[in-house]
C-alpha atoms as a PDB file:
ATOM      1  CA  MET A   1      89.691 121.439 109.181  1.00  0.00           C
ATOM      2  CA  ARG A   2      93.129 123.358 110.185  1.00  0.00           C
ATOM      3  CA  LYS A   3      95.272 125.387 107.466  1.00  0.00           C
ATOM      4  CA  PRO A   4      98.063 123.129 105.003  1.00  0.00           C
ATOM      5  CA  MET A   5     100.778 124.092 106.324  1.00  0.00           C
ATOM      6  CA  SER A   6     102.751 126.851 103.749  1.00  0.00           C
ATOM      7  CA  LYS A   7     104.919 124.874 102.586  1.00  0.00           C
ATOM      8  CA  TYR A   8     101.842 123.065 100.901  1.00  0.00           C
ATOM      9  CA  ARG A   9     100.405 125.836 100.150  1.00  0.00           C
ATOM     10  CA  HIS A  10     100.395 124.536  96.081  1.00  0.00           C
ATOM     11  CA  MET A  11      98.203 121.479  96.561  1.00  0.00           C
ATOM     12  CA  ASN A  12      94.788 121.876  96.853  1.00  0.00           C
ATOM     13  CA  HIS A  13      92.211 118.745  97.280  1.00  0.00           C
ATOM     14  CA  GLU A  14      92.098 118.221  93.579  1.00  0.00           C
ATOM     15  CA  LYS A  15      95.294 117.912  92.967  1.00  0.00           C
ATOM     16  CA  ALA A  16      95.870 115.242  96.178  1.00  0.00           C
ATOM     17  CA  GLU A  17      92.959 113.044  94.270  1.00  0.00           C
ATOM     18  CA  GLU A  18      94.742 113.233  90.851  1.00  0.00           C
ATOM     19  CA  ILE A  19      97.943 111.654  92.639  1.00  0.00           C
ATOM     20  CA  ARG A  20      96.557 109.120  93.949  1.00  0.00           C
ATOM     21  CA  ALA A  21      94.233 108.246  90.721  1.00  0.00           C
ATOM     22  CA  LEU A  22      97.591 108.772  89.191  1.00  0.00           C
ATOM     23  CA  PHE A  23      98.972 106.508  91.826  1.00  0.00           C
ATOM     24  CA  PHE A  24      96.373 103.287  92.111  1.00  0.00           C
ATOM     25  CA  SER A  25      95.581 102.950  89.114  1.00  0.00           C
ATOM     26  CA  ARG A  26      99.435 102.633  88.186  1.00  0.00           C
ATOM     27  CA  GLN A  27      99.833 105.679  85.519  1.00  0.00           C
ATOM     28  CA  LEU A  28     102.908 106.663  87.181  1.00  0.00           C
ATOM     29  CA  LYS A  29     105.842 106.696  89.030  1.00  0.00           C
ATOM     30  CA  ARG A  30     105.564 108.198  92.936  1.00  0.00           C
ATOM     31  CA  LYS A  31     109.154 110.380  91.321  1.00  0.00           C
ATOM     32  CA  GLU A  32     106.412 110.676  87.368  1.00  0.00           C
ATOM     33  CA  ILE A  33     103.894 112.146  89.563  1.00  0.00           C
ATOM     34  CA  ALA A  34     106.312 114.047  91.938  1.00  0.00           C
ATOM     35  CA  GLN A  35     107.745 115.864  88.019  1.00  0.00           C
ATOM     36  CA  LYS A  36     104.680 116.812  86.607  1.00  0.00           C
ATOM     37  CA  PHE A  37     102.890 118.495  89.638  1.00  0.00           C
ATOM     38  CA  GLN A  38     106.090 120.081  90.448  1.00  0.00           C
ATOM     39  CA  VAL A  39     107.353 118.943  94.124  1.00  0.00           C
ATOM     40  CA  SER A  40     108.659 116.544  96.136  1.00  0.00           C
ATOM     41  CA  GLU A  41     108.813 112.806  96.024  1.00  0.00           C
ATOM     42  CA  ALA A  42     108.163 112.788 100.108  1.00  0.00           C
ATOM     43  CA  THR A  43     104.789 115.279  99.256  1.00  0.00           C
ATOM     44  CA  VAL A  44     103.632 112.950  97.330  1.00  0.00           C
ATOM     45  CA  SER A  45     104.251 109.863  99.441  1.00  0.00           C
ATOM     46  CA  ARG A  46     102.381 112.104 102.146  1.00  0.00           C
ATOM     47  CA  VAL A  47      99.541 112.776  99.844  1.00  0.00           C
ATOM     48  CA  ILE A  48      98.808 109.086  98.650  1.00  0.00           C
ATOM     49  CA  SER A  49      99.354 107.874 103.240  1.00  0.00           C
ATOM     50  CA  GLY A  50      96.518 110.306 104.068  1.00  0.00           C
ATOM     51  CA  LEU A  51      99.309 112.179 106.102  1.00  0.00           C
ATOM     52  CA  ILE A  52      98.002 115.470 104.549  1.00  0.00           C
ATOM     53  CA  TRP A  53      95.144 116.919 102.830  1.00  0.00           C
ATOM     54  CA  ASN A  54      93.279 112.945 103.802  1.00  0.00           C
ATOM     55  CA  VAL A  55      89.862 113.575 101.695  1.00  0.00           C
ATOM     56  CA  ARG A  56      88.155 111.548 104.406  1.00  0.00           C
ATOM     57  CA  LYS A  57      89.445 113.855 107.247  1.00  0.00           C
ATOM     58  CA  ALA A  58      87.888 116.243 105.248  1.00  0.00           C
ATOM     59  CA  HIS A  59      84.630 115.072 104.637  1.00  0.00           C
ATOM     60  CA  ARG A  60      84.647 113.351 108.532  1.00  0.00           C
ATOM     61  CA  SER A  61      85.122 117.353 109.783  1.00  0.00           C
ATOM     62  CA  ARG A  62      82.256 118.910 107.743  1.00  0.00           C
ATOM     63  CA  ALA A  63      80.183 116.266 108.945  1.00  0.00           C
ATOM     64  CA  GLY A  64      80.092 116.594 112.585  1.00  0.00           C
END
């Protein structure tokens, strides 16, 4: 797996999973999640869509 871009260095898998859980459980909106984690709404969108910190891709690369 390649390293995340330096602008995402504050993000990790645990935070990404928590962002997805908060979003998909409908507890918080993207803007609220962004404020909670001190990231942009664009970063939250990228985490949710799997463009960055995609857990499934990370598991595949370790298993492969």
